N, C-alpha and C. Protein backbone atom coordinates (compact mmCIF):
# COMPACT_ATOMS: atom_id res chain seq x y z
N UNK A 1 -118.26 42.53 -189.45
CA UNK A 1 -118.90 43.56 -188.63
C UNK A 1 -118.80 44.88 -189.33
N UNK A 2 -119.89 45.65 -189.25
CA UNK A 2 -119.90 47.02 -189.81
C UNK A 2 -118.99 47.90 -188.99
N UNK A 3 -118.61 49.05 -189.64
CA UNK A 3 -117.78 50.02 -188.91
C UNK A 3 -118.45 50.43 -187.59
N UNK A 4 -117.65 50.17 -186.51
CA UNK A 4 -118.22 50.39 -185.13
C UNK A 4 -118.60 51.84 -184.91
N UNK A 5 -118.01 52.73 -185.65
CA UNK A 5 -118.35 54.18 -185.50
C UNK A 5 -119.72 54.48 -186.04
N UNK A 6 -120.30 53.59 -186.88
CA UNK A 6 -121.62 53.80 -187.40
C UNK A 6 -122.74 53.16 -186.61
N UNK A 7 -122.36 52.48 -185.52
CA UNK A 7 -123.34 51.85 -184.63
C UNK A 7 -123.78 52.79 -183.56
N UNK A 8 -125.05 53.00 -183.45
CA UNK A 8 -125.62 54.03 -182.53
C UNK A 8 -125.42 53.59 -181.09
N UNK A 9 -125.42 54.62 -180.24
CA UNK A 9 -125.33 54.37 -178.79
C UNK A 9 -126.50 53.57 -178.25
N UNK A 10 -127.67 53.73 -178.88
CA UNK A 10 -128.83 52.93 -178.41
C UNK A 10 -128.67 51.48 -178.64
N UNK A 11 -128.03 51.11 -179.79
CA UNK A 11 -127.73 49.65 -180.09
C UNK A 11 -126.69 49.16 -179.08
N UNK A 12 -125.70 49.87 -178.85
CA UNK A 12 -124.60 49.43 -177.94
C UNK A 12 -125.12 49.34 -176.53
N UNK A 13 -126.06 50.18 -176.09
CA UNK A 13 -126.60 50.09 -174.77
C UNK A 13 -127.49 48.94 -174.56
N UNK A 14 -128.02 48.34 -175.67
CA UNK A 14 -128.85 47.09 -175.55
C UNK A 14 -128.01 45.81 -175.46
N UNK A 15 -126.75 45.87 -175.82
CA UNK A 15 -125.96 44.66 -175.85
C UNK A 15 -125.87 44.00 -174.46
N UNK A 16 -125.60 44.73 -173.36
CA UNK A 16 -125.54 44.12 -172.02
C UNK A 16 -126.86 43.50 -171.67
N UNK A 17 -127.93 44.12 -172.14
CA UNK A 17 -129.27 43.57 -171.81
C UNK A 17 -129.54 42.26 -172.52
N UNK A 18 -129.10 42.20 -173.81
CA UNK A 18 -129.21 40.93 -174.52
C UNK A 18 -128.35 39.81 -173.79
N UNK A 19 -127.17 40.24 -173.39
CA UNK A 19 -126.28 39.31 -172.74
C UNK A 19 -126.91 38.73 -171.44
N UNK A 20 -127.54 39.65 -170.70
CA UNK A 20 -128.17 39.26 -169.41
C UNK A 20 -129.36 38.33 -169.69
N UNK A 21 -130.19 38.72 -170.63
CA UNK A 21 -131.43 37.84 -170.90
C UNK A 21 -131.02 36.51 -171.37
N UNK A 22 -130.01 36.43 -172.24
CA UNK A 22 -129.52 35.14 -172.78
C UNK A 22 -129.01 34.26 -171.67
N UNK A 23 -128.33 34.88 -170.68
CA UNK A 23 -127.87 34.07 -169.54
C UNK A 23 -129.02 33.57 -168.73
N UNK A 24 -130.07 34.30 -168.63
CA UNK A 24 -131.30 33.85 -167.94
C UNK A 24 -131.92 32.64 -168.72
N UNK A 25 -131.93 32.69 -170.06
CA UNK A 25 -132.50 31.62 -170.87
C UNK A 25 -131.63 30.37 -170.67
N UNK A 26 -130.31 30.47 -170.65
CA UNK A 26 -129.47 29.35 -170.40
C UNK A 26 -129.74 28.66 -169.05
N UNK A 27 -129.95 29.53 -168.04
CA UNK A 27 -130.29 29.02 -166.67
C UNK A 27 -131.63 28.26 -166.68
N UNK A 28 -132.49 28.61 -167.62
CA UNK A 28 -133.79 27.90 -167.71
C UNK A 28 -133.68 26.67 -168.62
N UNK A 29 -132.50 26.41 -169.17
CA UNK A 29 -132.31 25.25 -169.99
C UNK A 29 -132.78 25.40 -171.41
N UNK A 30 -132.98 26.73 -171.90
CA UNK A 30 -133.39 26.97 -173.28
C UNK A 30 -132.20 27.04 -174.19
N UNK A 31 -132.12 26.21 -175.13
CA UNK A 31 -130.94 26.12 -176.03
C UNK A 31 -131.08 26.89 -177.34
N UNK A 32 -132.29 27.14 -177.78
CA UNK A 32 -132.55 27.78 -179.04
C UNK A 32 -133.76 28.71 -178.92
N UNK A 33 -133.70 29.92 -179.58
CA UNK A 33 -134.78 30.85 -179.49
C UNK A 33 -134.89 31.60 -180.78
N UNK A 34 -136.13 32.03 -181.15
CA UNK A 34 -136.30 32.85 -182.34
C UNK A 34 -136.30 34.30 -181.93
N UNK A 35 -136.20 35.23 -182.93
CA UNK A 35 -136.22 36.65 -182.61
C UNK A 35 -137.57 37.05 -182.05
N UNK A 36 -138.65 36.42 -182.60
CA UNK A 36 -140.02 36.75 -182.03
C UNK A 36 -140.15 36.26 -180.56
N UNK A 37 -139.60 35.12 -180.22
CA UNK A 37 -139.69 34.67 -178.84
C UNK A 37 -138.85 35.53 -177.91
N UNK A 38 -137.69 35.94 -178.41
CA UNK A 38 -136.81 36.79 -177.61
C UNK A 38 -137.47 38.18 -177.46
N UNK A 39 -138.12 38.64 -178.48
CA UNK A 39 -138.81 39.97 -178.36
C UNK A 39 -139.89 39.96 -177.35
N UNK A 40 -140.60 38.88 -177.23
CA UNK A 40 -141.68 38.73 -176.25
C UNK A 40 -141.11 38.86 -174.79
N UNK A 41 -139.97 38.30 -174.62
CA UNK A 41 -139.33 38.25 -173.25
C UNK A 41 -138.71 39.60 -172.90
N UNK A 42 -138.20 40.35 -173.98
CA UNK A 42 -137.45 41.54 -173.73
C UNK A 42 -138.27 42.84 -173.94
N UNK A 43 -139.49 42.72 -174.52
CA UNK A 43 -140.26 43.89 -174.76
C UNK A 43 -139.75 44.72 -175.92
N UNK A 44 -139.02 44.10 -176.84
CA UNK A 44 -138.62 44.72 -178.07
C UNK A 44 -139.28 44.08 -179.24
N UNK A 45 -139.23 44.73 -180.39
CA UNK A 45 -139.80 44.08 -181.60
C UNK A 45 -138.79 43.10 -182.16
N UNK A 46 -139.33 42.06 -182.79
CA UNK A 46 -138.39 41.11 -183.46
C UNK A 46 -137.57 41.80 -184.53
N UNK A 47 -138.10 42.73 -185.24
CA UNK A 47 -137.43 43.48 -186.29
C UNK A 47 -136.20 44.24 -185.63
N UNK A 48 -136.48 44.88 -184.49
CA UNK A 48 -135.41 45.64 -183.82
C UNK A 48 -134.27 44.74 -183.42
N UNK A 49 -134.59 43.61 -182.88
CA UNK A 49 -133.59 42.60 -182.50
C UNK A 49 -132.75 42.17 -183.67
N UNK A 50 -133.39 41.86 -184.79
CA UNK A 50 -132.65 41.43 -185.98
C UNK A 50 -131.76 42.53 -186.47
N UNK A 51 -132.29 43.81 -186.51
CA UNK A 51 -131.49 44.95 -186.96
C UNK A 51 -130.29 45.13 -186.06
N UNK A 52 -130.46 44.97 -184.77
CA UNK A 52 -129.35 45.15 -183.80
C UNK A 52 -128.29 44.16 -184.10
N UNK A 53 -128.66 42.88 -184.25
CA UNK A 53 -127.66 41.82 -184.49
C UNK A 53 -127.01 41.93 -185.81
N UNK A 54 -127.74 42.48 -186.83
CA UNK A 54 -127.21 42.65 -188.21
C UNK A 54 -126.02 43.63 -188.23
N UNK A 55 -125.98 44.57 -187.23
CA UNK A 55 -124.90 45.47 -187.14
C UNK A 55 -123.55 44.69 -186.95
N UNK A 56 -123.68 43.50 -186.40
CA UNK A 56 -122.49 42.68 -186.06
C UNK A 56 -122.39 41.47 -186.92
N UNK A 57 -123.11 41.46 -188.02
CA UNK A 57 -123.04 40.29 -188.94
C UNK A 57 -124.23 39.34 -188.90
N UNK A 58 -125.03 39.51 -187.84
CA UNK A 58 -126.16 38.55 -187.69
C UNK A 58 -125.69 37.25 -187.21
N UNK A 59 -126.56 36.55 -186.40
CA UNK A 59 -126.11 35.33 -185.74
C UNK A 59 -127.10 34.16 -185.99
N UNK A 60 -128.23 34.40 -186.46
CA UNK A 60 -129.27 33.36 -186.56
C UNK A 60 -129.32 32.73 -187.92
N UNK A 61 -130.13 31.68 -188.04
CA UNK A 61 -130.38 31.04 -189.28
C UNK A 61 -131.90 31.01 -189.49
N UNK A 62 -132.32 31.36 -190.73
CA UNK A 62 -133.74 31.32 -191.00
C UNK A 62 -134.36 29.95 -190.77
N UNK A 63 -135.44 29.92 -190.06
CA UNK A 63 -136.10 28.65 -189.77
C UNK A 63 -135.46 27.92 -188.54
N UNK A 64 -134.38 28.45 -188.07
CA UNK A 64 -133.72 27.76 -186.92
C UNK A 64 -133.65 28.69 -185.72
N UNK A 65 -133.52 29.96 -185.91
CA UNK A 65 -133.42 30.87 -184.80
C UNK A 65 -131.97 30.97 -184.35
N UNK A 66 -131.82 31.27 -183.02
CA UNK A 66 -130.55 31.55 -182.47
C UNK A 66 -130.09 30.42 -181.52
N UNK A 67 -128.89 30.01 -181.59
CA UNK A 67 -128.33 29.13 -180.58
C UNK A 67 -127.96 30.00 -179.36
N UNK A 68 -128.67 29.86 -178.21
CA UNK A 68 -128.62 30.78 -177.13
C UNK A 68 -127.19 30.91 -176.61
N UNK A 69 -126.49 29.73 -176.37
CA UNK A 69 -125.17 29.79 -175.81
C UNK A 69 -124.19 30.46 -176.75
N UNK A 70 -124.31 30.13 -178.03
CA UNK A 70 -123.38 30.75 -179.04
C UNK A 70 -123.65 32.22 -179.15
N UNK A 71 -124.93 32.66 -179.17
CA UNK A 71 -125.26 34.05 -179.33
C UNK A 71 -124.76 34.80 -178.15
N UNK A 72 -124.91 34.26 -176.93
CA UNK A 72 -124.44 34.97 -175.74
C UNK A 72 -122.88 35.10 -175.78
N UNK A 73 -122.21 34.03 -176.20
CA UNK A 73 -120.76 34.15 -176.28
C UNK A 73 -120.35 35.18 -177.27
N UNK A 74 -121.03 35.24 -178.44
CA UNK A 74 -120.68 36.26 -179.47
C UNK A 74 -120.91 37.67 -178.94
N UNK A 75 -122.02 37.87 -178.26
CA UNK A 75 -122.31 39.19 -177.76
C UNK A 75 -121.29 39.58 -176.65
N UNK A 76 -120.97 38.67 -175.81
CA UNK A 76 -119.93 38.84 -174.80
C UNK A 76 -118.61 39.31 -175.40
N UNK A 77 -118.26 38.59 -176.50
CA UNK A 77 -116.98 38.95 -177.20
C UNK A 77 -117.06 40.35 -177.76
N UNK A 78 -118.23 40.72 -178.35
CA UNK A 78 -118.39 42.05 -178.89
C UNK A 78 -118.25 43.11 -177.84
N UNK A 79 -118.89 42.80 -176.69
CA UNK A 79 -118.76 43.75 -175.54
C UNK A 79 -117.28 43.89 -175.05
N UNK A 80 -116.65 42.66 -175.06
CA UNK A 80 -115.24 42.68 -174.67
C UNK A 80 -115.02 42.12 -173.27
N UNK A 81 -116.01 41.34 -172.73
CA UNK A 81 -115.92 40.85 -171.40
C UNK A 81 -114.81 39.78 -171.25
N UNK A 82 -114.29 39.33 -172.34
CA UNK A 82 -113.24 38.30 -172.24
C UNK A 82 -111.85 38.96 -172.21
N UNK A 83 -111.78 40.30 -172.10
CA UNK A 83 -110.50 41.01 -172.01
C UNK A 83 -109.93 41.06 -170.60
N UNK A 84 -110.81 41.22 -169.62
CA UNK A 84 -110.46 41.32 -168.23
C UNK A 84 -109.55 42.51 -167.99
N UNK A 85 -110.06 43.69 -168.35
CA UNK A 85 -109.30 44.91 -168.18
C UNK A 85 -109.04 45.20 -166.69
N UNK A 86 -107.88 45.73 -166.38
CA UNK A 86 -107.56 46.06 -164.97
C UNK A 86 -108.27 47.43 -164.67
N UNK A 87 -108.93 47.47 -163.53
CA UNK A 87 -109.68 48.67 -163.12
C UNK A 87 -109.41 48.97 -161.68
N UNK A 88 -109.39 50.26 -161.31
CA UNK A 88 -109.26 50.64 -159.94
C UNK A 88 -110.50 51.38 -159.47
N UNK A 89 -110.64 51.54 -158.17
CA UNK A 89 -111.74 52.28 -157.58
C UNK A 89 -111.19 53.41 -156.76
N UNK A 90 -111.71 54.63 -157.00
CA UNK A 90 -111.26 55.80 -156.19
C UNK A 90 -112.46 56.26 -155.39
N UNK A 91 -112.32 56.20 -154.10
CA UNK A 91 -113.41 56.58 -153.20
C UNK A 91 -113.96 55.40 -152.45
N UNK A 92 -113.47 55.20 -151.24
CA UNK A 92 -113.83 53.96 -150.50
C UNK A 92 -114.94 54.26 -149.44
N UNK A 93 -115.78 55.21 -149.78
CA UNK A 93 -116.96 55.47 -148.92
C UNK A 93 -117.99 54.40 -149.04
N UNK A 94 -119.25 54.68 -148.61
CA UNK A 94 -120.29 53.65 -148.55
C UNK A 94 -120.59 53.06 -149.95
N UNK A 95 -120.68 53.97 -150.94
CA UNK A 95 -120.98 53.52 -152.33
C UNK A 95 -119.78 52.77 -152.87
N UNK A 96 -118.57 53.22 -152.73
CA UNK A 96 -117.41 52.56 -153.25
C UNK A 96 -117.24 51.19 -152.64
N UNK A 97 -117.47 51.07 -151.35
CA UNK A 97 -117.35 49.80 -150.69
C UNK A 97 -118.38 48.81 -151.16
N UNK A 98 -119.63 49.28 -151.36
CA UNK A 98 -120.68 48.43 -151.88
C UNK A 98 -120.37 47.86 -153.25
N UNK A 99 -119.86 48.72 -154.10
CA UNK A 99 -119.50 48.33 -155.47
C UNK A 99 -118.33 47.26 -155.40
N UNK A 100 -117.33 47.58 -154.64
CA UNK A 100 -116.19 46.66 -154.53
C UNK A 100 -116.54 45.30 -153.93
N UNK A 101 -117.49 45.30 -153.00
CA UNK A 101 -117.83 44.06 -152.28
C UNK A 101 -118.83 43.24 -153.06
N UNK A 102 -119.74 43.86 -153.82
CA UNK A 102 -120.88 43.07 -154.35
C UNK A 102 -120.89 42.91 -155.86
N UNK A 103 -120.05 43.64 -156.60
CA UNK A 103 -120.07 43.52 -158.04
C UNK A 103 -119.07 42.46 -158.50
N UNK A 104 -119.48 41.55 -159.31
CA UNK A 104 -118.59 40.53 -159.81
C UNK A 104 -117.92 41.08 -161.08
N UNK A 105 -116.80 41.75 -160.87
CA UNK A 105 -116.08 42.38 -161.98
C UNK A 105 -115.62 41.40 -163.04
N UNK A 106 -115.21 40.21 -162.61
CA UNK A 106 -114.67 39.28 -163.54
C UNK A 106 -115.70 38.84 -164.60
N UNK A 107 -116.94 38.77 -164.23
CA UNK A 107 -118.02 38.45 -165.22
C UNK A 107 -118.40 39.61 -166.10
N UNK A 108 -117.87 40.81 -165.80
CA UNK A 108 -118.20 41.95 -166.57
C UNK A 108 -117.04 42.49 -167.41
N UNK A 109 -115.98 41.69 -167.46
CA UNK A 109 -114.80 42.10 -168.28
C UNK A 109 -113.70 42.79 -167.64
N UNK A 110 -113.73 42.84 -166.29
CA UNK A 110 -112.71 43.62 -165.54
C UNK A 110 -112.17 42.79 -164.36
N UNK A 111 -110.97 43.27 -163.93
CA UNK A 111 -110.40 42.78 -162.67
C UNK A 111 -110.13 44.01 -161.77
N UNK A 112 -110.73 44.02 -160.64
CA UNK A 112 -110.51 45.12 -159.67
C UNK A 112 -109.18 44.93 -158.98
N UNK A 113 -108.18 45.79 -159.22
CA UNK A 113 -106.87 45.61 -158.77
C UNK A 113 -106.39 46.53 -157.69
N UNK A 114 -107.18 47.61 -157.47
CA UNK A 114 -106.78 48.57 -156.42
C UNK A 114 -107.94 49.48 -155.96
N UNK A 115 -107.89 49.85 -154.72
CA UNK A 115 -108.90 50.76 -154.15
C UNK A 115 -108.14 51.92 -153.48
N UNK A 116 -108.61 53.09 -153.73
CA UNK A 116 -107.86 54.29 -153.23
C UNK A 116 -108.81 55.32 -152.59
N UNK A 117 -108.21 56.00 -151.60
CA UNK A 117 -108.94 57.09 -150.91
C UNK A 117 -107.96 58.02 -150.33
N UNK A 118 -108.35 59.24 -150.09
CA UNK A 118 -107.47 60.23 -149.45
C UNK A 118 -107.74 60.36 -147.96
N UNK A 119 -108.73 59.64 -147.45
CA UNK A 119 -109.10 59.71 -146.07
C UNK A 119 -108.22 58.72 -145.32
N UNK A 120 -107.36 59.24 -144.47
CA UNK A 120 -106.45 58.41 -143.67
C UNK A 120 -107.16 57.33 -142.87
N UNK A 121 -108.43 57.59 -142.45
CA UNK A 121 -109.15 56.67 -141.64
C UNK A 121 -109.56 55.42 -142.42
N UNK A 122 -109.54 55.54 -143.76
CA UNK A 122 -109.96 54.41 -144.55
C UNK A 122 -108.77 53.62 -145.11
N UNK A 123 -107.61 54.27 -145.09
CA UNK A 123 -106.41 53.64 -145.65
C UNK A 123 -106.05 52.37 -144.82
N UNK A 124 -105.83 51.26 -145.49
CA UNK A 124 -105.57 49.99 -144.82
C UNK A 124 -106.75 49.14 -144.59
N UNK A 125 -107.98 49.67 -144.76
CA UNK A 125 -109.20 48.91 -144.61
C UNK A 125 -109.23 47.84 -145.69
N UNK A 126 -109.63 46.65 -145.26
CA UNK A 126 -109.70 45.51 -146.20
C UNK A 126 -111.08 45.44 -146.81
N UNK A 127 -111.18 45.55 -148.13
CA UNK A 127 -112.43 45.50 -148.87
C UNK A 127 -112.28 44.38 -149.90
N UNK A 128 -112.95 43.30 -149.71
CA UNK A 128 -112.96 42.19 -150.67
C UNK A 128 -111.53 41.81 -151.04
N UNK A 129 -110.71 41.62 -149.93
CA UNK A 129 -109.33 41.16 -150.05
C UNK A 129 -108.39 42.18 -150.70
N UNK A 130 -108.81 43.43 -150.75
CA UNK A 130 -107.94 44.51 -151.24
C UNK A 130 -107.79 45.55 -150.12
N UNK A 131 -106.58 45.96 -149.78
CA UNK A 131 -106.37 46.99 -148.79
C UNK A 131 -106.49 48.33 -149.46
N UNK A 132 -107.25 49.24 -148.86
CA UNK A 132 -107.39 50.61 -149.38
C UNK A 132 -105.99 51.32 -149.32
N UNK A 133 -105.59 51.88 -150.40
CA UNK A 133 -104.32 52.60 -150.48
C UNK A 133 -104.69 54.09 -150.45
N UNK A 134 -103.67 54.90 -150.07
CA UNK A 134 -103.80 56.34 -150.10
C UNK A 134 -103.64 56.80 -151.55
N UNK A 135 -104.44 57.79 -151.92
CA UNK A 135 -104.40 58.24 -153.35
C UNK A 135 -103.03 58.78 -153.78
N UNK A 136 -102.22 59.15 -152.78
CA UNK A 136 -100.91 59.66 -153.08
C UNK A 136 -100.02 58.57 -153.62
N UNK A 137 -100.42 57.33 -153.48
CA UNK A 137 -99.58 56.19 -154.05
C UNK A 137 -100.01 55.83 -155.49
N UNK A 138 -100.88 56.61 -156.09
CA UNK A 138 -101.39 56.27 -157.40
C UNK A 138 -100.32 56.22 -158.50
N UNK A 139 -99.34 57.13 -158.45
CA UNK A 139 -98.31 57.13 -159.48
C UNK A 139 -97.57 55.85 -159.51
N UNK A 140 -97.09 55.40 -158.39
CA UNK A 140 -96.31 54.18 -158.32
C UNK A 140 -97.12 52.94 -158.72
N UNK A 141 -98.37 52.94 -158.24
CA UNK A 141 -99.28 51.83 -158.55
C UNK A 141 -99.51 51.70 -160.01
N UNK A 142 -99.81 52.82 -160.63
CA UNK A 142 -100.10 52.76 -162.08
C UNK A 142 -98.89 52.42 -162.93
N UNK A 143 -97.71 52.77 -162.48
CA UNK A 143 -96.48 52.39 -163.26
C UNK A 143 -96.31 50.88 -163.20
N UNK A 144 -96.72 50.22 -162.10
CA UNK A 144 -96.53 48.86 -161.91
C UNK A 144 -97.68 48.01 -162.52
N UNK A 145 -98.92 48.53 -162.35
CA UNK A 145 -100.11 47.71 -162.73
C UNK A 145 -100.73 48.16 -164.06
N UNK A 146 -100.59 49.42 -164.42
CA UNK A 146 -101.18 50.01 -165.65
C UNK A 146 -102.66 49.69 -165.81
N UNK A 147 -103.51 50.17 -164.95
CA UNK A 147 -104.97 49.95 -165.09
C UNK A 147 -105.48 50.64 -166.34
N UNK A 148 -106.57 50.01 -166.91
CA UNK A 148 -107.20 50.57 -168.12
C UNK A 148 -108.27 51.57 -167.78
N UNK A 149 -108.85 51.46 -166.55
CA UNK A 149 -110.01 52.27 -166.24
C UNK A 149 -110.07 52.53 -164.74
N UNK A 150 -110.93 53.49 -164.35
CA UNK A 150 -111.13 53.83 -162.90
C UNK A 150 -112.60 54.04 -162.68
N UNK A 151 -113.02 53.56 -161.49
CA UNK A 151 -114.34 53.84 -161.01
C UNK A 151 -114.26 55.06 -160.05
N UNK A 152 -115.05 56.04 -160.25
CA UNK A 152 -114.99 57.24 -159.45
C UNK A 152 -116.21 57.37 -158.54
N UNK A 153 -116.01 57.20 -157.23
CA UNK A 153 -117.07 57.37 -156.21
C UNK A 153 -116.59 58.50 -155.29
N UNK A 154 -116.45 59.66 -155.87
CA UNK A 154 -115.87 60.78 -155.14
C UNK A 154 -116.80 62.02 -155.22
N UNK A 155 -116.62 62.97 -154.35
CA UNK A 155 -117.42 64.19 -154.43
C UNK A 155 -117.12 64.98 -155.71
N UNK A 156 -118.12 65.68 -156.19
CA UNK A 156 -117.96 66.47 -157.41
C UNK A 156 -116.81 67.47 -157.29
N UNK A 157 -116.64 67.99 -156.10
CA UNK A 157 -115.57 68.99 -155.88
C UNK A 157 -114.17 68.43 -156.10
N UNK A 158 -113.99 67.12 -155.96
CA UNK A 158 -112.70 66.51 -156.13
C UNK A 158 -112.55 65.94 -157.53
N UNK A 159 -113.56 65.99 -158.36
CA UNK A 159 -113.57 65.37 -159.65
C UNK A 159 -112.48 65.78 -160.61
N UNK A 160 -112.27 67.07 -160.81
CA UNK A 160 -111.32 67.54 -161.80
C UNK A 160 -109.91 67.15 -161.34
N UNK A 161 -109.56 67.38 -160.11
CA UNK A 161 -108.23 67.08 -159.62
C UNK A 161 -107.89 65.63 -159.73
N UNK A 162 -108.84 64.79 -159.31
CA UNK A 162 -108.61 63.33 -159.29
C UNK A 162 -108.54 62.81 -160.72
N UNK A 163 -109.49 63.28 -161.59
CA UNK A 163 -109.44 62.81 -162.99
C UNK A 163 -108.19 63.23 -163.71
N UNK A 164 -107.79 64.44 -163.46
CA UNK A 164 -106.56 64.99 -164.11
C UNK A 164 -105.40 64.12 -163.70
N UNK A 165 -105.29 63.77 -162.47
CA UNK A 165 -104.20 62.90 -161.98
C UNK A 165 -104.21 61.57 -162.59
N UNK A 166 -105.44 60.93 -162.71
CA UNK A 166 -105.52 59.60 -163.27
C UNK A 166 -105.15 59.63 -164.74
N UNK A 167 -105.60 60.67 -165.46
CA UNK A 167 -105.23 60.75 -166.90
C UNK A 167 -103.73 60.93 -167.05
N UNK A 168 -103.15 61.72 -166.15
CA UNK A 168 -101.65 61.84 -166.11
C UNK A 168 -101.00 60.54 -165.93
N UNK A 169 -101.62 59.62 -165.17
CA UNK A 169 -101.10 58.29 -164.91
C UNK A 169 -101.42 57.26 -166.01
N UNK A 170 -102.10 57.73 -167.06
CA UNK A 170 -102.32 56.87 -168.20
C UNK A 170 -103.74 56.26 -168.23
N UNK A 171 -104.63 56.66 -167.34
CA UNK A 171 -105.99 56.13 -167.26
C UNK A 171 -106.87 57.12 -168.02
N UNK A 172 -107.57 56.60 -169.00
CA UNK A 172 -108.44 57.51 -169.80
C UNK A 172 -109.91 57.07 -169.93
N UNK A 173 -110.26 56.03 -169.13
CA UNK A 173 -111.62 55.49 -169.16
C UNK A 173 -112.16 55.48 -167.73
N UNK A 174 -113.46 55.91 -167.59
CA UNK A 174 -114.02 56.08 -166.26
C UNK A 174 -115.45 55.62 -166.20
N UNK A 175 -115.74 54.89 -165.11
CA UNK A 175 -117.12 54.61 -164.69
C UNK A 175 -117.36 55.62 -163.61
N UNK A 176 -118.20 56.68 -163.91
CA UNK A 176 -118.27 57.82 -163.14
C UNK A 176 -119.54 57.91 -162.31
N UNK A 177 -119.42 57.72 -161.02
CA UNK A 177 -120.58 57.89 -160.08
C UNK A 177 -120.63 59.27 -159.52
N UNK A 178 -119.66 60.09 -159.79
CA UNK A 178 -119.67 61.42 -159.22
C UNK A 178 -120.57 62.29 -160.10
N UNK A 179 -120.81 63.58 -159.73
CA UNK A 179 -121.59 64.47 -160.53
C UNK A 179 -120.68 65.40 -161.36
N UNK A 180 -119.38 65.06 -161.34
CA UNK A 180 -118.41 65.87 -162.10
C UNK A 180 -118.54 65.48 -163.56
N UNK A 181 -118.60 66.47 -164.45
CA UNK A 181 -118.72 66.28 -165.90
C UNK A 181 -117.29 66.12 -166.46
N UNK A 182 -116.87 64.89 -166.56
CA UNK A 182 -115.44 64.65 -167.04
C UNK A 182 -115.22 65.16 -168.39
N UNK A 183 -116.12 64.91 -169.32
CA UNK A 183 -115.89 65.23 -170.75
C UNK A 183 -115.87 66.74 -171.01
N UNK A 184 -116.39 67.56 -170.12
CA UNK A 184 -116.35 68.97 -170.28
C UNK A 184 -114.90 69.43 -170.20
N UNK A 185 -114.09 68.89 -169.34
CA UNK A 185 -112.67 69.26 -169.16
C UNK A 185 -111.77 68.29 -169.96
N UNK A 186 -112.19 67.03 -170.12
CA UNK A 186 -111.39 66.06 -170.79
C UNK A 186 -112.19 65.38 -171.91
N UNK A 187 -112.34 66.06 -173.03
CA UNK A 187 -113.25 65.56 -174.07
C UNK A 187 -112.90 64.21 -174.71
N UNK A 188 -111.57 63.85 -174.57
CA UNK A 188 -111.17 62.57 -175.17
C UNK A 188 -111.35 61.38 -174.27
N UNK A 189 -111.75 61.65 -173.01
CA UNK A 189 -111.89 60.54 -172.06
C UNK A 189 -113.12 59.69 -172.45
N UNK A 190 -113.00 58.37 -172.15
CA UNK A 190 -114.11 57.47 -172.37
C UNK A 190 -114.84 57.41 -171.03
N UNK A 191 -116.12 57.79 -171.06
CA UNK A 191 -116.83 57.94 -169.76
C UNK A 191 -118.21 57.28 -169.81
N UNK A 192 -118.55 56.50 -168.82
CA UNK A 192 -119.87 56.00 -168.62
C UNK A 192 -120.38 56.58 -167.30
N UNK A 193 -121.29 57.56 -167.42
CA UNK A 193 -121.82 58.24 -166.23
C UNK A 193 -122.97 57.44 -165.65
N UNK A 194 -122.96 57.36 -164.27
CA UNK A 194 -124.04 56.69 -163.58
C UNK A 194 -124.62 57.70 -162.64
N UNK A 195 -125.87 58.14 -162.88
CA UNK A 195 -126.53 59.12 -161.99
C UNK A 195 -127.70 58.43 -161.31
N UNK A 196 -127.46 57.97 -160.09
CA UNK A 196 -128.48 57.30 -159.32
C UNK A 196 -129.67 58.15 -159.03
N UNK A 197 -129.45 59.43 -158.75
CA UNK A 197 -130.50 60.35 -158.48
C UNK A 197 -131.43 60.52 -159.64
N UNK A 198 -130.89 60.59 -160.80
CA UNK A 198 -131.62 60.77 -162.06
C UNK A 198 -132.54 59.54 -162.25
N UNK A 199 -131.96 58.36 -161.98
CA UNK A 199 -132.72 57.12 -162.17
C UNK A 199 -133.89 57.05 -161.19
N UNK A 200 -133.65 57.49 -159.91
CA UNK A 200 -134.71 57.45 -158.95
C UNK A 200 -135.77 58.46 -159.29
N UNK A 201 -135.40 59.69 -159.78
CA UNK A 201 -136.39 60.65 -160.18
C UNK A 201 -137.23 60.23 -161.37
N UNK A 202 -136.57 59.44 -162.25
CA UNK A 202 -137.33 58.87 -163.44
C UNK A 202 -138.38 57.91 -162.89
N UNK A 203 -138.07 57.12 -161.90
CA UNK A 203 -139.05 56.23 -161.26
C UNK A 203 -140.17 57.07 -160.66
N UNK A 204 -139.86 58.15 -159.97
CA UNK A 204 -140.88 59.00 -159.41
C UNK A 204 -141.74 59.59 -160.46
N UNK A 205 -141.19 60.04 -161.57
CA UNK A 205 -142.01 60.56 -162.73
C UNK A 205 -142.95 59.50 -163.23
N UNK A 206 -142.43 58.28 -163.41
CA UNK A 206 -143.31 57.18 -163.94
C UNK A 206 -144.47 56.84 -162.99
N UNK A 207 -144.20 56.86 -161.66
CA UNK A 207 -145.18 56.58 -160.70
C UNK A 207 -146.28 57.75 -160.72
N UNK A 208 -145.79 58.96 -160.79
CA UNK A 208 -146.68 60.13 -160.81
C UNK A 208 -147.60 60.08 -162.04
N UNK A 209 -147.05 59.78 -163.16
CA UNK A 209 -147.88 59.69 -164.41
C UNK A 209 -148.80 58.48 -164.45
N UNK A 210 -148.36 57.42 -163.80
CA UNK A 210 -149.22 56.22 -163.67
C UNK A 210 -150.43 56.56 -162.83
N UNK A 211 -150.15 57.27 -161.72
CA UNK A 211 -151.32 57.67 -160.85
C UNK A 211 -152.23 58.61 -161.55
N UNK A 212 -151.71 59.53 -162.31
CA UNK A 212 -152.49 60.54 -163.05
C UNK A 212 -153.37 59.84 -164.14
N UNK A 213 -152.85 58.79 -164.74
CA UNK A 213 -153.57 58.08 -165.75
C UNK A 213 -154.79 57.36 -165.17
N UNK A 214 -154.69 56.98 -163.91
CA UNK A 214 -155.80 56.27 -163.23
C UNK A 214 -156.91 57.26 -162.90
């Protein structure tokens, strides 16, 4: 594998998409596929797919194509989904509860081990067989469980205080649904920001321009 620091974010962002599409192919009973066939299904060029895979050593054989199951397994290993990192969720409101209840963490490389909130009305609530804990218990919990990452479903106003506390407890990786810019205050943190409003407005833009084109 080439030096991971030389691999662009755009290539890395496509890995989960490859993994998902290959899973769909397996469900359809497809055992082997060429880069051109995969490109037709994914809307990418065959050249782009081969270039992406070559960053990790390449997986196909000329004249044979890719073994779908093996390729998916290799990509899953590159992503790291076989590590099962311990993760916690902070913020048990509507969004936090939806994530905890409906996302299959185990298939994405994580184990959800704790849910926290500072709202006394939510403490003790059972969400997917996990009782919501008060955020004041985070020190003790992290000493015993040592989570690798945290999901933040909190108001922007609470972002810095909560993140600072989590970093103090040894957590340096975040799936951030808040509008708080973690890296501005904590540049060494590993952050994946999720902006639902931005995504919805992008859809709005595309609809607007589609209508204008007509």
